[in-house]
Amino acid sequence: MQSLHIITPVKDSIELTLQTIGSIMSSKVNIPFQYTVYNDFSTPENTERLRKASGKYGFTLIHLAGLTDHPSPNYLLVLQMAQKKALEDDSYVCIVESDVIIQPDTLQSLYDEALKRSDCALMAAVTVDEEGKVNYPYLYAKKYSGSVTEMKKHLSFCCTILSHTFLHTFDFKQLDPAKSWHDVTISHKSLQLGFSNYLCMHIKVFHKPHSSRPWKLLKYTHPFRYYFLKILHKRDKI
């Protein structure tokens, strides 16, 4: 039987993160799963709250501060560690980011959809706001009808399964360490390798964008300042 390795990278934004964790641990999943939260240099106070949540829920908590001195974000390290674990267990990986809250059937539904398709690399849930309307990063998908849509655009890692076949095919050690985020690269690489990526319009997850990095909201309110800071501090590289 296949298994599922669920991961959440997190830096602060503790209230929403705890809701994310609670929603995952309340999931109804019919296959064996493990859940790992990667604490990416949260404050000492928030690190302690994550430690208490780990004791309450029973998930694995990994403190990246004990593994690297590279400043947050350490998404590449998280992806590489998750891939290594998945290859050892022959499991799928499901990324649920810390600004996402899922439904009890989200994980099982995503897994079932991925399992149906031997060519699947990425299977993603569409993100919505408090009113249930499709929001960032899938605003371009508002026009899509049907339940599962094959995507040529890149998928986000907000709530996305990576198939074990794809994980066996592409080594994340090949990813560019100069970049902060890797969803674009991985999406495009999967297509180059002959896989397909899918967006599930019928599987909806609540998303509060950029809750752990509020400076990124400047992109929508003060775009010139956002790009100035992005270039100045060499951050948010995709």
C-alpha atoms as a PDB file:
ATOM      1  CA  MET A   1       0.000   0.000   0.000  1.00  0.00           C
ATOM      2  CA  GLN A   2       1.199   3.487  -0.830  1.00  0.00           C
ATOM      3  CA  SER A   3       1.636   6.066   1.927  1.00  0.00           C
ATOM      4  CA  LEU A   4       1.518   9.836   2.169  1.00  0.00           C
ATOM      5  CA  HIS A   5       4.126  12.140   3.656  1.00  0.00           C
ATOM      6  CA  ILE A   6       2.491  15.486   4.493  1.00  0.00           C
ATOM      7  CA  ILE A   7       4.744  18.487   5.074  1.00  0.00           C
ATOM      8  CA  THR A   8       4.271  22.084   6.194  1.00  0.00           C
ATOM      9  CA  PRO A   9       7.168  24.575   6.152  1.00  0.00           C
ATOM     10  CA  VAL A  10       6.457  27.350   8.647  1.00  0.00           C
ATOM     11  CA  LYS A  11       7.882  30.631   9.847  1.00  0.00           C
ATOM     12  CA  ASP A  12       5.783  32.331  12.529  1.00  0.00           C
ATOM     13  CA  SER A  13       2.208  33.443  11.646  1.00  0.00           C
ATOM     14  CA  ILE A  14       1.435  31.089  14.487  1.00  0.00           C
ATOM     15  CA  GLU A  15      -2.334  31.481  14.830  1.00  0.00           C
ATOM     16  CA  LEU A  16      -3.040  30.538  11.227  1.00  0.00           C
ATOM     17  CA  THR A  17      -0.337  27.874  11.319  1.00  0.00           C
ATOM     18  CA  LEU A  18      -2.011  26.179  14.272  1.00  0.00           C
ATOM     19  CA  GLN A  19      -5.277  26.174  12.305  1.00  0.00           C
ATOM     20  CA  THR A  20      -3.412  24.598   9.383  1.00  0.00           C
ATOM     21  CA  ILE A  21      -2.004  21.921  11.658  1.00  0.00           C
ATOM     22  CA  GLY A  22      -5.381  21.270  13.258  1.00  0.00           C
ATOM     23  CA  SER A  23      -7.075  20.885   9.887  1.00  0.00           C
ATOM     24  CA  ILE A  24      -4.466  18.386   8.724  1.00  0.00           C
ATOM     25  CA  MET A  25      -4.603  16.338  11.907  1.00  0.00           C
ATOM     26  CA  SER A  26      -8.417  16.223  11.585  1.00  0.00           C
ATOM     27  CA  SER A  27      -8.184  14.740   8.103  1.00  0.00           C
ATOM     28  CA  LYS A  28      -9.952  11.529   7.172  1.00  0.00           C
ATOM     29  CA  VAL A  29      -7.266   9.589   5.315  1.00  0.00           C
ATOM     30  CA  ASN A  30      -7.586   5.914   4.418  1.00  0.00           C
ATOM     31  CA  ILE A  31      -3.895   5.312   3.770  1.00  0.00           C
ATOM     32  CA  PRO A  32      -0.942   5.465   6.169  1.00  0.00           C
ATOM     33  CA  PHE A  33       0.387   9.005   6.508  1.00  0.00           C
ATOM     34  CA  GLN A  34       3.061  10.920   8.357  1.00  0.00           C
ATOM     35  CA  TYR A  35       2.983  14.624   9.049  1.00  0.00           C
ATOM     36  CA  THR A  36       6.112  16.744   9.445  1.00  0.00           C
ATOM     37  CA  VAL A  37       6.252  20.449  10.263  1.00  0.00           C
ATOM     38  CA  TYR A  38       9.513  22.157   9.337  1.00  0.00           C
ATOM     39  CA  ASN A  39      10.101  25.126  11.637  1.00  0.00           C
ATOM     40  CA  ASP A  40      12.023  27.628   9.521  1.00  0.00           C
ATOM     41  CA  PHE A  41      13.505  29.989  12.125  1.00  0.00           C
ATOM     42  CA  SER A  42      10.315  31.020  13.880  1.00  0.00           C
ATOM     43  CA  THR A  43      10.684  33.178  16.988  1.00  0.00           C
ATOM     44  CA  PRO A  44      11.443  31.388  20.280  1.00  0.00           C
ATOM     45  CA  GLU A  45       7.877  32.039  21.461  1.00  0.00           C
ATOM     46  CA  ASN A  46       6.340  30.556  18.322  1.00  0.00           C
ATOM     47  CA  THR A  47       8.817  27.690  18.325  1.00  0.00           C
ATOM     48  CA  GLU A  48       7.584  26.798  21.811  1.00  0.00           C
ATOM     49  CA  ARG A  49       3.962  26.891  20.634  1.00  0.00           C
ATOM     50  CA  LEU A  50       4.870  24.566  17.771  1.00  0.00           C
ATOM     51  CA  ARG A  51       6.560  22.242  20.262  1.00  0.00           C
ATOM     52  CA  LYS A  52       3.410  22.133  22.381  1.00  0.00           C
ATOM     53  CA  ALA A  53       1.263  21.511  19.285  1.00  0.00           C
ATOM     54  CA  SER A  54       3.539  18.622  18.336  1.00  0.00           C
ATOM     55  CA  GLY A  55       2.993  17.086  21.763  1.00  0.00           C
ATOM     56  CA  LYS A  56      -0.757  17.567  21.449  1.00  0.00           C
ATOM     57  CA  TYR A  57      -1.226  16.253  17.911  1.00  0.00           C
ATOM     58  CA  GLY A  58       1.698  13.849  17.535  1.00  0.00           C
ATOM     59  CA  PHE A  59       3.254  15.217  14.348  1.00  0.00           C
ATOM     60  CA  THR A  60       7.017  15.355  13.757  1.00  0.00           C
ATOM     61  CA  LEU A  61       8.561  18.776  14.334  1.00  0.00           C
ATOM     62  CA  ILE A  62      11.928  19.526  12.723  1.00  0.00           C
ATOM     63  CA  HIS A  63      13.774  22.718  13.646  1.00  0.00           C
ATOM     64  CA  LEU A  64      15.787  23.848  10.636  1.00  0.00           C
ATOM     65  CA  ALA A  65      17.899  26.094  12.866  1.00  0.00           C
ATOM     66  CA  GLY A  66      19.582  22.909  14.057  1.00  0.00           C
ATOM     67  CA  LEU A  67      20.384  21.815  10.496  1.00  0.00           C
ATOM     68  CA  THR A  68      21.440  24.976   8.657  1.00  0.00           C
ATOM     69  CA  ASP A  69      22.575  28.541   9.212  1.00  0.00           C
ATOM     70  CA  HIS A  70      20.996  29.633   5.929  1.00  0.00           C
ATOM     71  CA  PRO A  71      18.356  32.291   6.667  1.00  0.00           C
ATOM     72  CA  SER A  72      14.686  31.642   6.017  1.00  0.00           C
ATOM     73  CA  PRO A  73      13.167  30.723   3.606  1.00  0.00           C
ATOM     74  CA  ASN A  74      14.709  27.245   3.420  1.00  0.00           C
ATOM     75  CA  TYR A  75      12.187  25.727   1.044  1.00  0.00           C
ATOM     76  CA  LEU A  76      14.879  23.905  -0.936  1.00  0.00           C
ATOM     77  CA  LEU A  77      16.168  22.088   2.145  1.00  0.00           C
ATOM     78  CA  VAL A  78      12.610  21.136   3.114  1.00  0.00           C
ATOM     79  CA  LEU A  79      11.890  19.757  -0.359  1.00  0.00           C
ATOM     80  CA  GLN A  80      15.125  17.773  -0.410  1.00  0.00           C
ATOM     81  CA  MET A  81      14.468  16.278   3.023  1.00  0.00           C
ATOM     82  CA  ALA A  82      10.894  15.423   2.092  1.00  0.00           C
ATOM     83  CA  GLN A  83      11.995  13.793  -1.156  1.00  0.00           C
ATOM     84  CA  LYS A  84      14.585  11.685   0.649  1.00  0.00           C
ATOM     85  CA  LYS A  85      11.949  10.474   3.113  1.00  0.00           C
ATOM     86  CA  ALA A  86       9.456   9.761   0.328  1.00  0.00           C
ATOM     87  CA  LEU A  87      11.989   7.739  -1.661  1.00  0.00           C
ATOM     88  CA  GLU A  88      12.816   5.679   1.408  1.00  0.00           C
ATOM     89  CA  ASP A  89       9.126   4.935   2.030  1.00  0.00           C
ATOM     90  CA  ASP A  90       7.972   4.875  -1.630  1.00  0.00           C
ATOM     91  CA  SER A  91       5.393   7.469  -0.666  1.00  0.00           C
ATOM     92  CA  TYR A  92       3.718  10.498  -2.180  1.00  0.00           C
ATOM     93  CA  VAL A  93       4.495  13.948  -0.746  1.00  0.00           C
ATOM     94  CA  CYS A  94       1.734  16.430  -0.003  1.00  0.00           C
ATOM     95  CA  ILE A  95       2.735  20.025   0.703  1.00  0.00           C
ATOM     96  CA  VAL A  96       0.243  22.039   2.735  1.00  0.00           C
ATOM     97  CA  GLU A  97       1.588  25.500   3.363  1.00  0.00           C
ATOM     98  CA  SER A  98       1.110  27.330   6.647  1.00  0.00           C
ATOM     99  CA  ASP A  99      -1.374  29.843   5.215  1.00  0.00           C
ATOM    100  CA  VAL A 100      -3.786  27.119   4.051  1.00  0.00           C
ATOM    101  CA  ILE A 101      -6.641  25.396   5.878  1.00  0.00           C
ATOM    102  CA  ILE A 102      -7.938  22.172   4.375  1.00  0.00           C
ATOM    103  CA  GLN A 103     -11.154  20.164   4.660  1.00  0.00           C
ATOM    104  CA  PRO A 104     -11.324  16.696   6.278  1.00  0.00           C
ATOM    105  CA  ASP A 105     -11.518  14.968   2.878  1.00  0.00           C
ATOM    106  CA  THR A 106      -8.957  17.152   1.047  1.00  0.00           C
ATOM    107  CA  LEU A 107      -5.927  14.899   1.382  1.00  0.00           C
ATOM    108  CA  GLN A 108      -7.708  11.678   0.505  1.00  0.00           C
ATOM    109  CA  SER A 109      -9.439  13.315  -2.457  1.00  0.00           C
ATOM    110  CA  LEU A 110      -6.173  14.706  -3.833  1.00  0.00           C
ATOM    111  CA  TYR A 111      -4.448  11.366  -3.357  1.00  0.00           C
ATOM    112  CA  ASP A 112      -7.272   9.503  -5.121  1.00  0.00           C
ATOM    113  CA  GLU A 113      -7.128  11.874  -8.086  1.00  0.00           C
ATOM    114  CA  ALA A 114      -3.350  11.509  -8.351  1.00  0.00           C
ATOM    115  CA  LEU A 115      -3.552   7.726  -8.094  1.00  0.00           C
ATOM    116  CA  LYS A 116      -5.947   7.579 -11.064  1.00  0.00           C
ATOM    117  CA  ARG A 117      -3.359   9.118 -13.391  1.00  0.00           C
ATOM    118  CA  SER A 118      -0.098   7.315 -14.060  1.00  0.00           C
ATOM    119  CA  ASP A 119       1.302  10.428 -15.768  1.00  0.00           C
ATOM    120  CA  CYS A 120       0.662  12.691 -12.775  1.00  0.00           C
ATOM    121  CA  ALA A 121       3.532  14.683 -11.295  1.00  0.00           C
ATOM    122  CA  LEU A 122       1.593  17.378  -9.396  1.00  0.00           C
ATOM    123  CA  MET A 123      -2.030  17.334  -8.249  1.00  0.00           C
ATOM    124  CA  ALA A 124      -3.161  20.590  -6.639  1.00  0.00           C
ATOM    125  CA  ALA A 125      -6.256  21.837  -4.829  1.00  0.00           C
ATOM    126  CA  VAL A 126      -7.617  25.203  -5.925  1.00  0.00           C
ATOM    127  CA  THR A 127      -7.373  28.000  -3.344  1.00  0.00           C
ATOM    128  CA  VAL A 128     -10.328  30.147  -2.249  1.00  0.00           C
ATOM    129  CA  ASP A 129     -11.000  33.057   0.098  1.00  0.00           C
ATOM    130  CA  GLU A 130     -13.434  33.323   3.023  1.00  0.00           C
ATOM    131  CA  GLU A 131     -16.343  33.638   0.593  1.00  0.00           C
ATOM    132  CA  GLY A 132     -15.352  30.552  -1.372  1.00  0.00           C
ATOM    133  CA  LYS A 133     -14.120  32.532  -4.380  1.00  0.00           C
ATOM    134  CA  VAL A 134     -10.990  31.399  -6.181  1.00  0.00           C
ATOM    135  CA  ASN A 135      -8.049  33.555  -5.079  1.00  0.00           C
ATOM    136  CA  TYR A 136      -4.286  33.932  -5.448  1.00  0.00           C
ATOM    137  CA  PRO A 137      -2.354  32.077  -6.797  1.00  0.00           C
ATOM    138  CA  TYR A 138      -5.071  30.549  -8.995  1.00  0.00           C
ATOM    139  CA  LEU A 139      -6.905  33.654 -10.144  1.00  0.00           C
ATOM    140  CA  TYR A 140      -6.183  32.600 -13.720  1.00  0.00           C
ATOM    141  CA  ALA A 141      -8.193  29.401 -13.130  1.00  0.00           C
ATOM    142  CA  LYS A 142     -11.529  31.138 -12.493  1.00  0.00           C
ATOM    143  CA  LYS A 143     -12.534  30.446 -16.083  1.00  0.00           C
ATOM    144  CA  TYR A 144     -11.999  26.693 -15.856  1.00  0.00           C
ATOM    145  CA  SER A 145     -14.949  24.351 -15.695  1.00  0.00           C
ATOM    146  CA  GLY A 146     -14.950  20.696 -14.767  1.00  0.00           C
ATOM    147  CA  SER A 147     -13.422  19.027 -11.756  1.00  0.00           C
ATOM    148  CA  VAL A 148      -9.835  18.200 -12.777  1.00  0.00           C
ATOM    149  CA  THR A 149      -7.989  20.330 -15.323  1.00  0.00           C
ATOM    150  CA  GLU A 150      -4.633  19.492 -16.876  1.00  0.00           C
ATOM    151  CA  MET A 151      -2.391  22.517 -16.462  1.00  0.00           C
ATOM    152  CA  LYS A 152       0.359  23.898 -18.649  1.00  0.00           C
ATOM    153  CA  LYS A 153       0.823  26.881 -16.338  1.00  0.00           C
ATOM    154  CA  HIS A 154       2.823  26.283 -13.191  1.00  0.00           C
ATOM    155  CA  LEU A 155       1.089  25.044 -10.061  1.00  0.00           C
ATOM    156  CA  SER A 156       1.602  26.472  -6.611  1.00  0.00           C
ATOM    157  CA  PHE A 157       2.568  24.371  -3.605  1.00  0.00           C
ATOM    158  CA  CYS A 158      -0.245  25.776  -1.431  1.00  0.00           C
ATOM    159  CA  CYS A 159      -1.852  22.325  -1.217  1.00  0.00           C
ATOM    160  CA  THR A 160      -0.282  19.983  -3.729  1.00  0.00           C
ATOM    161  CA  ILE A 161       0.612  16.306  -4.020  1.00  0.00           C
ATOM    162  CA  LEU A 162       3.834  15.222  -5.722  1.00  0.00           C
ATOM    163  CA  SER A 163       3.618  11.680  -7.040  1.00  0.00           C
ATOM    164  CA  HIS A 164       6.161   9.066  -6.015  1.00  0.00           C
ATOM    165  CA  THR A 165       6.907   8.339  -9.704  1.00  0.00           C
ATOM    166  CA  PHE A 166       7.909  11.948 -10.284  1.00  0.00           C
ATOM    167  CA  LEU A 167       9.907  12.025  -7.053  1.00  0.00           C
ATOM    168  CA  HIS A 168      11.843   8.991  -8.292  1.00  0.00           C
ATOM    169  CA  THR A 169      12.516  10.727 -11.618  1.00  0.00           C
ATOM    170  CA  PHE A 170      13.730  14.215 -10.720  1.00  0.00           C
ATOM    171  CA  ASP A 171      16.347  14.822  -8.029  1.00  0.00           C
ATOM    172  CA  PHE A 172      15.646  18.024  -6.089  1.00  0.00           C
ATOM    173  CA  LYS A 173      19.391  18.420  -5.580  1.00  0.00           C
ATOM    174  CA  GLN A 174      19.360  19.776  -9.140  1.00  0.00           C
ATOM    175  CA  LEU A 175      17.263  22.786  -8.082  1.00  0.00           C
ATOM    176  CA  ASP A 176      18.899  26.203  -8.033  1.00  0.00           C
ATOM    177  CA  PRO A 177      19.945  27.087  -4.452  1.00  0.00           C
ATOM    178  CA  ALA A 178      19.912  30.790  -5.358  1.00  0.00           C
ATOM    179  CA  LYS A 179      16.110  30.705  -5.644  1.00  0.00           C
ATOM    180  CA  SER A 180      13.734  31.111  -2.704  1.00  0.00           C
ATOM    181  CA  TRP A 181      10.790  29.201  -4.206  1.00  0.00           C
ATOM    182  CA  HIS A 182      10.738  26.206  -6.522  1.00  0.00           C
ATOM    183  CA  ASP A 183       7.136  25.554  -7.552  1.00  0.00           C
ATOM    184  CA  VAL A 184       7.634  27.193 -10.956  1.00  0.00           C
ATOM    185  CA  THR A 185      10.804  25.238 -11.704  1.00  0.00           C
ATOM    186  CA  ILE A 186       9.351  21.917 -10.564  1.00  0.00           C
ATOM    187  CA  SER A 187       6.124  22.464 -12.496  1.00  0.00           C
ATOM    188  CA  HIS A 188       8.005  23.163 -15.701  1.00  0.00           C
ATOM    189  CA  LYS A 189      10.518  20.371 -15.148  1.00  0.00           C
ATOM    190  CA  SER A 190       7.757  17.806 -14.691  1.00  0.00           C
ATOM    191  CA  LEU A 191       6.294  18.752 -18.091  1.00  0.00           C
ATOM    192  CA  GLN A 192       9.724  18.548 -19.711  1.00  0.00           C
ATOM    193  CA  LEU A 193      10.062  15.013 -18.352  1.00  0.00           C
ATOM    194  CA  GLY A 194       6.770  13.957 -19.916  1.00  0.00           C
ATOM    195  CA  PHE A 195       4.538  14.161 -16.840  1.00  0.00           C
ATOM    196  CA  SER A 196       1.256  16.044 -16.492  1.00  0.00           C
ATOM    197  CA  ASN A 197       0.120  18.460 -13.778  1.00  0.00           C
ATOM    198  CA  TYR A 198      -3.476  18.856 -12.660  1.00  0.00           C
ATOM    199  CA  LEU A 199      -5.573  21.395 -10.764  1.00  0.00           C
ATOM    200  CA  CYS A 200      -8.662  20.147  -8.919  1.00  0.00           C
ATOM    201  CA  MET A 201     -11.372  22.787  -9.133  1.00  0.00           C
ATOM    202  CA  HIS A 202     -13.700  20.657  -6.981  1.00  0.00           C
ATOM    203  CA  ILE A 203     -11.193  20.361  -4.119  1.00  0.00           C
ATOM    204  CA  LYS A 204     -11.090  23.769  -2.454  1.00  0.00           C
ATOM    205  CA  VAL A 205      -8.841  24.942   0.366  1.00  0.00           C
ATOM    206  CA  PHE A 206      -8.925  28.246   2.227  1.00  0.00           C
ATOM    207  CA  HIS A 207      -5.851  30.370   1.538  1.00  0.00           C
ATOM    208  CA  LYS A 208      -4.719  33.534   3.273  1.00  0.00           C
ATOM    209  CA  PRO A 209      -1.818  34.603   1.039  1.00  0.00           C
ATOM    210  CA  HIS A 210       1.557  35.638   2.468  1.00  0.00           C
ATOM    211  CA  SER A 211       0.480  35.468   6.103  1.00  0.00           C
ATOM    212  CA  SER A 212       3.988  34.566   7.250  1.00  0.00           C
ATOM    213  CA  ARG A 213       5.684  37.123   4.997  1.00  0.00           C
ATOM    214  CA  PRO A 214       3.384  40.170   5.004  1.00  0.00           C
ATOM    215  CA  TRP A 215       5.928  42.322   3.160  1.00  0.00           C
ATOM    216  CA  LYS A 216       4.974  40.362   0.015  1.00  0.00           C
ATOM    217  CA  LEU A 217       1.527  41.978   0.127  1.00  0.00           C
ATOM    218  CA  LEU A 218       3.250  45.151  -1.072  1.00  0.00           C
ATOM    219  CA  LYS A 219       3.199  43.512  -4.514  1.00  0.00           C
ATOM    220  CA  TYR A 220      -0.518  44.300  -4.720  1.00  0.00           C
ATOM    221  CA  THR A 221      -0.705  47.573  -2.773  1.00  0.00           C
ATOM    222  CA  HIS A 222       2.648  49.252  -3.561  1.00  0.00           C
ATOM    223  CA  PRO A 223       4.237  47.277  -6.416  1.00  0.00           C
ATOM    224  CA  PHE A 224       7.136  49.684  -7.007  1.00  0.00           C
ATOM    225  CA  ARG A 225       8.168  49.445  -3.360  1.00  0.00           C
ATOM    226  CA  TYR A 226       7.775  45.650  -3.466  1.00  0.00           C
ATOM    227  CA  TYR A 227      10.119  45.262  -6.437  1.00  0.00           C
ATOM    228  CA  PHE A 228      12.561  47.781  -4.996  1.00  0.00           C
ATOM    229  CA  LEU A 229      12.799  45.787  -1.749  1.00  0.00           C
ATOM    230  CA  LYS A 230      12.915  42.503  -3.636  1.00  0.00           C
ATOM    231  CA  ILE A 231      15.923  43.666  -5.663  1.00  0.00           C
ATOM    232  CA  LEU A 232      17.589  45.444  -2.743  1.00  0.00           C
ATOM    233  CA  HIS A 233      17.397  42.465  -0.386  1.00  0.00           C
ATOM    234  CA  LYS A 234      17.734  39.795  -3.101  1.00  0.00           C
ATOM    235  CA  ARG A 235      14.709  37.907  -1.850  1.00  0.00           C
ATOM    236  CA  ASP A 236      11.625  36.151  -3.175  1.00  0.00           C
ATOM    237  CA  LYS A 237      13.466  34.593  -6.104  1.00  0.00           C
ATOM    238  CA  ILE A 238      11.352  32.166  -8.134  1.00  0.00           C
END
